[in-house]
PDB file of N, CA and C in Angstrom:
ATOM      1  N   UNK A   1       0.821  -1.190   0.000  1.00  0.00           N
ATOM      2  CA  UNK A   1       0.003  -0.004  -0.024  1.00  0.00           C
ATOM      3  C   UNK A   1       0.860   1.241   0.015  1.00  0.00           C
ATOM      4  N   UNK A   2       0.716   2.071  -0.993  1.00  0.00           N
ATOM      5  CA  UNK A   2       1.495   3.314  -1.106  1.00  0.00           C
ATOM      6  C   UNK A   2       0.847   4.388  -0.195  1.00  0.00           C
ATOM      7  N   UNK A   3       1.633   4.907   0.723  1.00  0.00           N
ATOM      8  CA  UNK A   3       1.134   5.953   1.659  1.00  0.00           C
ATOM      9  C   UNK A   3       1.122   7.294   0.986  1.00  0.00           C
ATOM     10  N   UNK A   4       0.054   7.990   1.136  1.00  0.00           N
ATOM     11  CA  UNK A   4      -0.062   9.308   0.531  1.00  0.00           C
ATOM     12  C   UNK A   4       0.286  10.370   1.584  1.00  0.00           C
ATOM     13  N   UNK A   5       1.573  10.688   1.641  1.00  0.00           N
ATOM     14  CA  UNK A   5       2.064  11.640   2.703  1.00  0.00           C
ATOM     15  C   UNK A   5       1.527  13.042   2.516  1.00  0.00           C
ATOM     16  N   UNK A   6       1.457  13.481   1.297  1.00  0.00           N
ATOM     17  CA  UNK A   6       1.015  14.891   1.039  1.00  0.00           C
ATOM     18  C   UNK A   6      -0.430  15.101   1.475  1.00  0.00           C
ATOM     19  N   UNK A   7      -1.329  14.215   1.034  1.00  0.00           N
ATOM     20  CA  UNK A   7      -2.753  14.354   1.397  1.00  0.00           C
ATOM     21  C   UNK A   7      -2.983  14.238   2.885  1.00  0.00           C
ATOM     22  N   UNK A   8      -2.319  13.259   3.456  1.00  0.00           N
ATOM     23  CA  UNK A   8      -2.557  13.047   4.932  1.00  0.00           C
ATOM     24  C   UNK A   8      -1.880  14.108   5.773  1.00  0.00           C
ATOM     25  N   UNK A   9      -0.795  14.713   5.295  1.00  0.00           N
ATOM     26  CA  UNK A   9      -0.181  15.797   6.080  1.00  0.00           C
ATOM     27  C   UNK A   9      -1.122  16.997   6.166  1.00  0.00           C
ATOM     28  N   UNK A  10      -1.922  17.243   5.123  1.00  0.00           N
ATOM     29  CA  UNK A  10      -2.904  18.338   5.140  1.00  0.00           C
ATOM     30  C   UNK A  10      -3.982  18.098   6.206  1.00  0.00           C
ATOM     31  N   UNK A  11      -4.416  16.808   6.366  1.00  0.00           N
ATOM     32  CA  UNK A  11      -5.411  16.509   7.338  1.00  0.00           C
ATOM     33  C   UNK A  11      -4.829  16.648   8.724  1.00  0.00           C
ATOM     34  N   UNK A  12      -3.612  16.163   8.922  1.00  0.00           N
ATOM     35  CA  UNK A  12      -2.963  16.232  10.208  1.00  0.00           C
ATOM     36  C   UNK A  12      -2.707  17.673  10.590  1.00  0.00           C
ATOM     37  N   UNK A  13      -2.291  18.488   9.670  1.00  0.00           N
ATOM     38  CA  UNK A  13      -2.110  19.883   9.945  1.00  0.00           C
ATOM     39  C   UNK A  13      -3.373  20.592  10.340  1.00  0.00           C
ATOM     40  N   UNK A  14      -4.510  20.202   9.671  1.00  0.00           N
ATOM     41  CA  UNK A  14      -5.809  20.801  10.051  1.00  0.00           C
ATOM     42  C   UNK A  14      -6.217  20.391  11.493  1.00  0.00           C
ATOM     43  N   UNK A  15      -5.834  19.149  11.840  1.00  0.00           N
ATOM     44  CA  UNK A  15      -6.229  18.629  13.134  1.00  0.00           C
ATOM     45  C   UNK A  15      -5.257  19.080  14.270  1.00  0.00           C
ATOM     46  N   UNK A  16      -4.181  19.723  13.909  1.00  0.00           N
ATOM     47  CA  UNK A  16      -3.161  20.109  14.881  1.00  0.00           C
ATOM     48  C   UNK A  16      -3.573  21.432  15.509  1.00  0.00           C
ATOM     49  N   UNK A  17      -4.829  21.621  15.855  1.00  0.00           N
ATOM     50  CA  UNK A  17      -5.368  22.814  16.496  1.00  0.00           C
ATOM     51  C   UNK A  17      -6.417  22.320  17.489  1.00  0.00           C
ATOM     52  N   UNK A  18      -6.279  22.656  18.747  1.00  0.00           N
ATOM     53  CA  UNK A  18      -7.188  22.134  19.786  1.00  0.00           C
ATOM     54  C   UNK A  18      -8.648  22.298  19.527  1.00  0.00           C
ATOM     55  N   UNK A  19      -9.078  23.484  19.005  1.00  0.00           N
ATOM     56  CA  UNK A  19     -10.492  23.696  18.764  1.00  0.00           C
ATOM     57  C   UNK A  19     -11.005  22.751  17.660  1.00  0.00           C
ATOM     58  N   UNK A  20     -10.187  22.542  16.671  1.00  0.00           N
ATOM     59  CA  UNK A  20     -10.581  21.642  15.557  1.00  0.00           C
ATOM     60  C   UNK A  20     -10.686  20.196  16.049  1.00  0.00           C
ATOM     61  N   UNK A  21      -9.785  19.809  16.901  1.00  0.00           N
ATOM     62  CA  UNK A  21      -9.896  18.477  17.495  1.00  0.00           C
ATOM     63  C   UNK A  21     -11.200  18.331  18.296  1.00  0.00           C
ATOM     64  N   UNK A  22     -11.541  19.362  19.026  1.00  0.00           N
ATOM     65  CA  UNK A  22     -12.762  19.343  19.830  1.00  0.00           C
ATOM     66  C   UNK A  22     -13.984  19.297  18.872  1.00  0.00           C
ATOM     67  N   UNK A  23     -13.925  20.008  17.773  1.00  0.00           N
ATOM     68  CA  UNK A  23     -15.017  19.918  16.771  1.00  0.00           C
ATOM     69  C   UNK A  23     -15.185  18.500  16.271  1.00  0.00           C
ATOM     70  N   UNK A  24     -14.083  17.865  15.947  1.00  0.00           N
ATOM     71  CA  UNK A  24     -14.159  16.463  15.491  1.00  0.00           C
ATOM     72  C   UNK A  24     -14.758  15.581  16.534  1.00  0.00           C
ATOM     73  N   UNK A  25     -14.367  15.759  17.771  1.00  0.00           N
ATOM     74  CA  UNK A  25     -14.941  15.029  18.905  1.00  0.00           C
ATOM     75  C   UNK A  25     -16.478  15.248  18.986  1.00  0.00           C
ATOM     76  N   UNK A  26     -16.866  16.484  18.886  1.00  0.00           N
ATOM     77  CA  UNK A  26     -18.309  16.870  18.957  1.00  0.00           C
ATOM     78  C   UNK A  26     -19.083  16.192  17.745  1.00  0.00           C
ATOM     79  N   UNK A  27     -18.487  16.249  16.587  1.00  0.00           N
ATOM     80  CA  UNK A  27     -19.141  15.674  15.425  1.00  0.00           C
ATOM     81  C   UNK A  27     -19.148  14.147  15.395  1.00  0.00           C
ATOM     82  N   UNK A  28     -18.352  13.541  16.254  1.00  0.00           N
ATOM     83  CA  UNK A  28     -18.331  12.083  16.331  1.00  0.00           C
ATOM     84  C   UNK A  28     -19.657  11.615  16.838  1.00  0.00           C
ATOM     85  N   UNK A  29     -20.460  12.418  17.435  1.00  0.00           N
ATOM     86  CA  UNK A  29     -21.836  12.064  17.931  1.00  0.00           C
ATOM     87  C   UNK A  29     -22.874  12.129  16.864  1.00  0.00           C
ATOM     88  N   UNK A  30     -22.507  12.752  15.700  1.00  0.00           N
ATOM     89  CA  UNK A  30     -23.436  12.837  14.586  1.00  0.00           C
ATOM     90  C   UNK A  30     -23.516  14.238  14.034  1.00  0.00           C
ATOM     91  N   UNK A  31     -24.314  14.409  13.020  1.00  0.00           N
ATOM     92  CA  UNK A  31     -24.428  15.650  12.270  1.00  0.00           C
ATOM     93  C   UNK A  31     -25.000  16.725  13.215  1.00  0.00           C
ATOM     94  N   UNK A  32     -24.409  17.920  13.093  1.00  0.00           N
ATOM     95  CA  UNK A  32     -24.919  19.064  13.900  1.00  0.00           C
ATOM     96  C   UNK A  32     -24.956  20.309  13.077  1.00  0.00           C
ATOM     97  N   UNK A  33     -25.855  21.223  13.457  1.00  0.00           N
ATOM     98  CA  UNK A  33     -25.948  22.550  12.887  1.00  0.00           C
ATOM     99  C   UNK A  33     -24.796  23.390  13.458  1.00  0.00           C
ATOM    100  N   UNK A  34     -24.345  24.344  12.706  1.00  0.00           N
ATOM    101  CA  UNK A  34     -23.263  25.214  13.196  1.00  0.00           C
ATOM    102  C   UNK A  34     -23.587  25.857  14.478  1.00  0.00           C
ATOM    103  N   UNK A  35     -24.849  26.240  14.700  1.00  0.00           N
ATOM    104  CA  UNK A  35     -25.185  26.910  15.970  1.00  0.00           C
ATOM    105  C   UNK A  35     -25.051  25.936  17.150  1.00  0.00           C
ATOM    106  N   UNK A  36     -25.296  24.669  16.948  1.00  0.00           N
ATOM    107  CA  UNK A  36     -25.108  23.690  18.028  1.00  0.00           C
ATOM    108  C   UNK A  36     -23.630  23.442  18.325  1.00  0.00           C
ATOM    109  N   UNK A  37     -22.758  23.494  17.336  1.00  0.00           N
ATOM    110  CA  UNK A  37     -21.370  23.338  17.533  1.00  0.00           C
ATOM    111  C   UNK A  37     -20.846  24.587  18.308  1.00  0.00           C
ATOM    112  N   UNK A  38     -21.311  25.784  17.849  1.00  0.00           N
ATOM    113  CA  UNK A  38     -20.808  26.985  18.455  1.00  0.00           C
ATOM    114  C   UNK A  38     -21.113  27.080  19.951  1.00  0.00           C
ATOM    115  N   UNK A  39     -22.168  26.459  20.454  1.00  0.00           N
ATOM    116  CA  UNK A  39     -22.493  26.451  21.849  1.00  0.00           C
ATOM    117  C   UNK A  39     -21.352  25.892  22.778  1.00  0.00           C
ATOM    118  N   UNK A  40     -20.470  25.094  22.166  1.00  0.00           N
ATOM    119  CA  UNK A  40     -19.380  24.482  22.916  1.00  0.00           C
ATOM    120  C   UNK A  40     -18.151  25.379  23.064  1.00  0.00           C
ATOM    121  N   UNK A  41     -18.184  26.524  22.413  1.00  0.00           N
ATOM    122  CA  UNK A  41     -16.986  27.384  22.364  1.00  0.00           C
ATOM    123  C   UNK A  41     -17.257  28.804  22.825  1.00  0.00           C
ATOM    124  N   UNK A  42     -16.200  29.517  23.162  1.00  0.00           N
ATOM    125  CA  UNK A  42     -16.298  30.922  23.545  1.00  0.00           C
ATOM    126  C   UNK A  42     -15.780  31.844  22.390  1.00  0.00           C
ATOM    127  N   UNK A  43     -15.898  31.412  21.177  1.00  0.00           N
ATOM    128  CA  UNK A  43     -15.488  32.282  20.050  1.00  0.00           C
ATOM    129  C   UNK A  43     -16.737  32.598  19.166  1.00  0.00           C
ATOM    130  N   UNK A  44     -16.466  33.441  18.196  1.00  0.00           N
ATOM    131  CA  UNK A  44     -17.545  33.964  17.333  1.00  0.00           C
ATOM    132  C   UNK A  44     -17.882  32.996  16.199  1.00  0.00           C
ATOM    133  N   UNK A  45     -19.028  33.266  15.558  1.00  0.00           N
ATOM    134  CA  UNK A  45     -19.477  32.464  14.427  1.00  0.00           C
ATOM    135  C   UNK A  45     -18.454  32.528  13.293  1.00  0.00           C
ATOM    136  N   UNK A  46     -17.875  33.738  12.969  1.00  0.00           N
ATOM    137  CA  UNK A  46     -16.887  33.774  11.885  1.00  0.00           C
ATOM    138  C   UNK A  46     -15.646  32.907  12.206  1.00  0.00           C
ATOM    139  N   UNK A  47     -15.267  32.795  13.506  1.00  0.00           N
ATOM    140  CA  UNK A  47     -14.129  31.952  13.872  1.00  0.00           C
ATOM    141  C   UNK A  47     -14.510  30.467  13.633  1.00  0.00           C
ATOM    142  N   UNK A  48     -15.726  30.137  13.998  1.00  0.00           N
ATOM    143  CA  UNK A  48     -16.211  28.710  13.752  1.00  0.00           C
ATOM    144  C   UNK A  48     -16.211  28.462  12.275  1.00  0.00           C
ATOM    145  N   UNK A  49     -16.647  29.424  11.467  1.00  0.00           N
ATOM    146  CA  UNK A  49     -16.692  29.247  10.020  1.00  0.00           C
ATOM    147  C   UNK A  49     -15.272  28.985   9.465  1.00  0.00           C
ATOM    148  N   UNK A  50     -14.288  29.729  10.012  1.00  0.00           N
ATOM    149  CA  UNK A  50     -12.892  29.503   9.607  1.00  0.00           C
ATOM    150  C   UNK A  50     -12.448  28.085   9.893  1.00  0.00           C
ATOM    151  N   UNK A  51     -12.751  27.607  11.124  1.00  0.00           N
ATOM    152  CA  UNK A  51     -12.344  26.252  11.522  1.00  0.00           C
ATOM    153  C   UNK A  51     -13.043  25.237  10.609  1.00  0.00           C
ATOM    154  N   UNK A  52     -14.360  25.411  10.350  1.00  0.00           N
ATOM    155  CA  UNK A  52     -15.084  24.467   9.574  1.00  0.00           C
ATOM    156  C   UNK A  52     -14.554  24.422   8.108  1.00  0.00           C
ATOM    157  N   UNK A  53     -14.148  25.616   7.599  1.00  0.00           N
ATOM    158  CA  UNK A  53     -13.617  25.709   6.261  1.00  0.00           C
ATOM    159  C   UNK A  53     -12.324  24.929   6.125  1.00  0.00           C
ATOM    160  N   UNK A  54     -11.464  25.021   7.161  1.00  0.00           N
ATOM    161  CA  UNK A  54     -10.193  24.279   7.195  1.00  0.00           C
ATOM    162  C   UNK A  54     -10.506  22.765   7.171  1.00  0.00           C
ATOM    163  N   UNK A  55     -11.411  22.347   8.023  1.00  0.00           N
ATOM    164  CA  UNK A  55     -11.758  20.914   8.166  1.00  0.00           C
ATOM    165  C   UNK A  55     -12.402  20.382   6.888  1.00  0.00           C
ATOM    166  N   UNK A  56     -13.212  21.241   6.237  1.00  0.00           N
ATOM    167  CA  UNK A  56     -13.855  20.774   5.000  1.00  0.00           C
ATOM    168  C   UNK A  56     -12.802  20.694   3.834  1.00  0.00           C
ATOM    169  N   UNK A  57     -11.909  21.668   3.797  1.00  0.00           N
ATOM    170  CA  UNK A  57     -10.930  21.706   2.706  1.00  0.00           C
ATOM    171  C   UNK A  57     -10.049  20.517   2.729  1.00  0.00           C
ATOM    172  N   UNK A  58      -9.738  19.922   3.925  1.00  0.00           N
ATOM    173  CA  UNK A  58      -8.889  18.736   3.973  1.00  0.00           C
ATOM    174  C   UNK A  58      -9.763  17.475   3.824  1.00  0.00           C
ATOM    175  N   UNK A  59     -11.080  17.633   3.798  1.00  0.00           N
ATOM    176  CA  UNK A  59     -11.961  16.535   3.515  1.00  0.00           C
ATOM    177  C   UNK A  59     -12.441  15.733   4.721  1.00  0.00           C
ATOM    178  N   UNK A  60     -12.108  16.156   5.882  1.00  0.00           N
ATOM    179  CA  UNK A  60     -12.486  15.388   7.102  1.00  0.00           C
ATOM    180  C   UNK A  60     -13.880  15.650   7.580  1.00  0.00           C
ATOM    181  N   UNK A  61     -14.423  16.846   7.142  1.00  0.00           N
ATOM    182  CA  UNK A  61     -15.768  17.231   7.517  1.00  0.00           C
ATOM    183  C   UNK A  61     -16.597  17.542   6.233  1.00  0.00           C
ATOM    184  N   UNK A  62     -17.815  17.117   6.235  1.00  0.00           N
ATOM    185  CA  UNK A  62     -18.754  17.437   5.125  1.00  0.00           C
ATOM    186  C   UNK A  62     -19.785  18.437   5.616  1.00  0.00           C
ATOM    187  N   UNK A  63     -20.317  19.190   4.689  1.00  0.00           N
ATOM    188  CA  UNK A  63     -21.341  20.210   5.001  1.00  0.00           C
ATOM    189  C   UNK A  63     -22.483  20.056   4.027  1.00  0.00           C
ATOM    190  N   UNK A  64     -23.678  20.176   4.568  1.00  0.00           N
ATOM    191  CA  UNK A  64     -24.878  20.234   3.705  1.00  0.00           C
ATOM    192  C   UNK A  64     -25.664  21.453   4.157  1.00  0.00           C
ATOM    193  N   UNK A  65     -26.242  22.099   3.154  1.00  0.00           N
ATOM    194  CA  UNK A  65     -27.057  23.291   3.367  1.00  0.00           C
ATOM    195  C   UNK A  65     -28.509  22.899   3.382  1.00  0.00           C
ATOM    196  N   UNK A  66     -29.276  23.520   4.275  1.00  0.00           N
ATOM    197  CA  UNK A  66     -30.728  23.330   4.325  1.00  0.00           C
ATOM    198  C   UNK A  66     -31.311  24.732   4.602  1.00  0.00           C
ATOM    199  N   UNK A  67     -31.749  25.349   3.572  1.00  0.00           N
ATOM    200  CA  UNK A  67     -32.156  26.768   3.688  1.00  0.00           C
ATOM    201  C   UNK A  67     -31.013  27.613   4.117  1.00  0.00           C
ATOM    202  N   UNK A  68     -31.146  28.351   5.189  1.00  0.00           N
ATOM    203  CA  UNK A  68     -30.097  29.219   5.707  1.00  0.00           C
ATOM    204  C   UNK A  68     -29.114  28.470   6.619  1.00  0.00           C
ATOM    205  N   UNK A  69     -29.392  27.272   6.971  1.00  0.00           N
ATOM    206  CA  UNK A  69     -28.622  26.485   7.941  1.00  0.00           C
ATOM    207  C   UNK A  69     -27.561  25.631   7.307  1.00  0.00           C
ATOM    208  N   UNK A  70     -26.444  25.484   7.950  1.00  0.00           N
ATOM    209  CA  UNK A  70     -25.360  24.612   7.548  1.00  0.00           C
ATOM    210  C   UNK A  70     -25.284  23.472   8.588  1.00  0.00           C
ATOM    211  N   UNK A  71     -25.232  22.260   8.093  1.00  0.00           N
ATOM    212  CA  UNK A  71     -25.141  21.085   8.934  1.00  0.00           C
ATOM    213  C   UNK A  71     -23.832  20.378   8.609  1.00  0.00           C
ATOM    214  N   UNK A  72     -23.107  20.063   9.680  1.00  0.00           N
ATOM    215  CA  UNK A  72     -21.780  19.434   9.482  1.00  0.00           C
ATOM    216  C   UNK A  72     -21.721  17.994  10.028  1.00  0.00           C
ATOM    217  N   UNK A  73     -20.966  17.217   9.360  1.00  0.00           N
ATOM    218  CA  UNK A  73     -20.772  15.846   9.802  1.00  0.00           C
ATOM    219  C   UNK A  73     -19.385  15.352   9.414  1.00  0.00           C
ATOM    220  N   UNK A  74     -18.902  14.311  10.102  1.00  0.00           N
ATOM    221  CA  UNK A  74     -17.635  13.756   9.767  1.00  0.00           C
ATOM    222  C   UNK A  74     -17.711  12.970   8.497  1.00  0.00           C
ATOM    223  N   UNK A  75     -16.696  13.062   7.697  1.00  0.00           N
ATOM    224  CA  UNK A  75     -16.556  12.187   6.524  1.00  0.00           C
ATOM    225  C   UNK A  75     -15.901  10.960   7.038  1.00  0.00           C
ATOM    226  N   UNK A  76     -16.703   9.940   7.352  1.00  0.00           N
ATOM    227  CA  UNK A  76     -16.166   8.735   8.012  1.00  0.00           C
ATOM    228  C   UNK A  76     -15.169   7.984   7.112  1.00  0.00           C
ATOM    229  N   UNK A  77     -15.358   8.066   5.852  1.00  0.00           N
ATOM    230  CA  UNK A  77     -14.433   7.395   4.911  1.00  0.00           C
ATOM    231  C   UNK A  77     -13.032   8.006   5.019  1.00  0.00           C
ATOM    232  N   UNK A  78     -13.007   9.368   5.050  1.00  0.00           N
ATOM    233  CA  UNK A  78     -11.731  10.083   5.158  1.00  0.00           C
ATOM    234  C   UNK A  78     -11.083   9.855   6.502  1.00  0.00           C
ATOM    235  N   UNK A  79     -11.903   9.833   7.572  1.00  0.00           N
ATOM    236  CA  UNK A  79     -11.408   9.584   8.919  1.00  0.00           C
ATOM    237  C   UNK A  79     -10.811   8.151   9.008  1.00  0.00           C
ATOM    238  N   UNK A  80     -11.455   7.165   8.395  1.00  0.00           N
ATOM    239  CA  UNK A  80     -10.967   5.800   8.421  1.00  0.00           C
ATOM    240  C   UNK A  80      -9.620   5.751   7.647  1.00  0.00           C
ATOM    241  N   UNK A  81      -9.547   6.425   6.504  1.00  0.00           N
ATOM    242  CA  UNK A  81      -8.294   6.442   5.746  1.00  0.00           C
ATOM    243  C   UNK A  81      -7.151   7.037   6.497  1.00  0.00           C
ATOM    244  N   UNK A  82      -7.458   8.123   7.291  1.00  0.00           N
ATOM    245  CA  UNK A  82      -6.406   8.763   8.111  1.00  0.00           C
ATOM    246  C   UNK A  82      -5.950   7.776   9.182  1.00  0.00           C
ATOM    247  N   UNK A  83      -6.880   7.052   9.864  1.00  0.00           N
ATOM    248  CA  UNK A  83      -6.509   6.103  10.867  1.00  0.00           C
ATOM    249  C   UNK A  83      -5.644   5.002  10.262  1.00  0.00           C
ATOM    250  N   UNK A  84      -6.043   4.495   9.119  1.00  0.00           N
ATOM    251  CA  UNK A  84      -5.242   3.432   8.457  1.00  0.00           C
ATOM    252  C   UNK A  84      -3.862   3.969   8.085  1.00  0.00           C
ATOM    253  N   UNK A  85      -3.771   5.193   7.583  1.00  0.00           N
ATOM    254  CA  UNK A  85      -2.512   5.804   7.208  1.00  0.00           C
ATOM    255  C   UNK A  85      -1.603   5.840   8.449  1.00  0.00           C
ATOM    256  N   UNK A  86      -2.152   6.341   9.576  1.00  0.00           N
ATOM    257  CA  UNK A  86      -1.302   6.416  10.785  1.00  0.00           C
ATOM    258  C   UNK A  86      -0.921   5.048  11.312  1.00  0.00           C
ATOM    259  N   UNK A  87      -1.815   4.030  11.204  1.00  0.00           N
ATOM    260  CA  UNK A  87      -1.451   2.710  11.627  1.00  0.00           C
ATOM    261  C   UNK A  87      -0.319   2.146  10.748  1.00  0.00           C
ATOM    262  N   UNK A  88      -0.474   2.297   9.432  1.00  0.00           N
ATOM    263  CA  UNK A  88       0.585   1.823   8.505  1.00  0.00           C
ATOM    264  C   UNK A  88       1.882   2.593   8.701  1.00  0.00           C
ATOM    265  N   UNK A  89       1.841   3.810   9.042  1.00  0.00           N
ATOM    266  CA  UNK A  89       3.038   4.630   9.258  1.00  0.00           C
ATOM    267  C   UNK A  89       3.887   4.100  10.345  1.00  0.00           C
ATOM    268  N   UNK A  90       3.225   3.639  11.412  1.00  0.00           N
ATOM    269  CA  UNK A  90       3.998   3.197  12.642  1.00  0.00           C
ATOM    270  C   UNK A  90       4.120   1.670  12.774  1.00  0.00           C
ATOM    271  N   UNK A  91       3.552   0.944  11.830  1.00  0.00           N
ATOM    272  CA  UNK A  91       3.544  -0.513  11.884  1.00  0.00           C
ATOM    273  C   UNK A  91       4.547  -1.083  10.920  1.00  0.00           C
ATOM    274  N   UNK A  92       5.345  -2.016  11.251  1.00  0.00           N
ATOM    275  CA  UNK A  92       6.255  -2.631  10.397  1.00  0.00           C
ATOM    276  C   UNK A  92       5.515  -3.566   9.484  1.00  0.00           C
ATOM    277  N   UNK A  93       5.468  -3.262   8.223  1.00  0.00           N
ATOM    278  CA  UNK A  93       4.785  -4.134   7.217  1.00  0.00           C
ATOM    279  C   UNK A  93       5.716  -4.487   6.104  1.00  0.00           C
ATOM    280  N   UNK A  94       5.266  -5.379   5.269  1.00  0.00           N
ATOM    281  CA  UNK A  94       6.063  -5.784   4.102  1.00  0.00           C
ATOM    282  C   UNK A  94       6.428  -4.639   3.211  1.00  0.00           C
ATOM    283  N   UNK A  95       5.534  -3.665   3.108  1.00  0.00           N
ATOM    284  CA  UNK A  95       5.741  -2.507   2.241  1.00  0.00           C
ATOM    285  C   UNK A  95       6.414  -1.352   2.893  1.00  0.00           C
ATOM    286  N   UNK A  96       7.086  -1.551   4.004  1.00  0.00           N
ATOM    287  CA  UNK A  96       7.669  -0.450   4.744  1.00  0.00           C
ATOM    288  C   UNK A  96       8.685   0.307   3.904  1.00  0.00           C
ATOM    289  N   UNK A  97       8.677   1.604   3.997  1.00  0.00           N
ATOM    290  CA  UNK A  97       9.591   2.455   3.226  1.00  0.00           C
ATOM    291  C   UNK A  97      11.068   2.146   3.568  1.00  0.00           C
ATOM    292  N   UNK A  98      11.359   1.663   4.736  1.00  0.00           N
ATOM    293  CA  UNK A  98      12.732   1.390   5.118  1.00  0.00           C
ATOM    294  C   UNK A  98      13.311   0.187   4.396  1.00  0.00           C
ATOM    295  N   UNK A  99      12.444  -0.604   3.718  1.00  0.00           N
ATOM    296  CA  UNK A  99      12.901  -1.779   2.955  1.00  0.00           C
ATOM    297  C   UNK A  99      13.234  -1.424   1.544  1.00  0.00           C
ATOM    298  N   UNK A 100      12.952  -0.163   1.117  1.00  0.00           N
ATOM    299  CA  UNK A 100      13.216   0.260  -0.231  1.00  0.00           C
ATOM    300  C   UNK A 100      14.713   0.525  -0.486  1.00  0.00           C
ATOM    301  N   UNK A 101      15.417   0.883   0.479  1.00  0.00           N
ATOM    302  CA  UNK A 101      16.873   1.149   0.341  1.00  0.00           C
ATOM    303  C   UNK A 101      17.623   0.251   1.294  1.00  0.00           C
ATOM    304  N   UNK A 102      18.852  -0.227   0.931  1.00  0.00           N
ATOM    305  CA  UNK A 102      19.634  -0.951   1.854  1.00  0.00           C
ATOM    306  C   UNK A 102      20.082  -0.084   2.991  1.00  0.00           C
ATOM    307  N   UNK A 103      20.216  -0.711   4.174  1.00  0.00           N
ATOM    308  CA  UNK A 103      20.677   0.043   5.372  1.00  0.00           C
ATOM    309  C   UNK A 103      22.148   0.391   5.239  1.00  0.00           C
ATOM    310  N   UNK A 104      22.465   1.564   5.677  1.00  0.00           N
ATOM    311  CA  UNK A 104      23.863   2.076   5.638  1.00  0.00           C
ATOM    312  C   UNK A 104      24.554   1.600   6.895  1.00  0.00           C
ATOM    313  N   UNK A 105      25.751   1.171   6.784  1.00  0.00           N
ATOM    314  CA  UNK A 105      26.545   0.751   7.941  1.00  0.00           C
ATOM    315  C   UNK A 105      27.147   1.995   8.532  1.00  0.00           C
ATOM    316  N   UNK A 106      26.836   2.296   9.804  1.00  0.00           N
ATOM    317  CA  UNK A 106      27.438   3.422  10.499  1.00  0.00           C
ATOM    318  C   UNK A 106      28.753   3.030  11.078  1.00  0.00           C
ATOM    319  N   UNK A 107      29.735   3.909  11.005  1.00  0.00           N
ATOM    320  CA  UNK A 107      31.060   3.586  11.484  1.00  0.00           C
ATOM    321  C   UNK A 107      31.460   4.586  12.533  1.00  0.00           C
TER     322      UNK A 107
END
């Protein structure tokens, strides 16, 4: 399995912010309206919009519009791919990158 470092680094970068991690945790319970997510934070709606934009751009969160309302949910497929990527990254497998080049003898 070829690991996609570029794509996954974007997701990891997006998640490397405490408020965004908390948003992911909140959305793990299911789809929510932006106003329901905002109740968990002490920042403004534009700040929430910024965080949601970052999470949507990396594909980890989906948004659907219903009239004036935005509803957010986790993209479970993308979440599962990230988890598999991290597991493959730290697990010794047959396709490990370290097996691509011979080891150098340190002197």
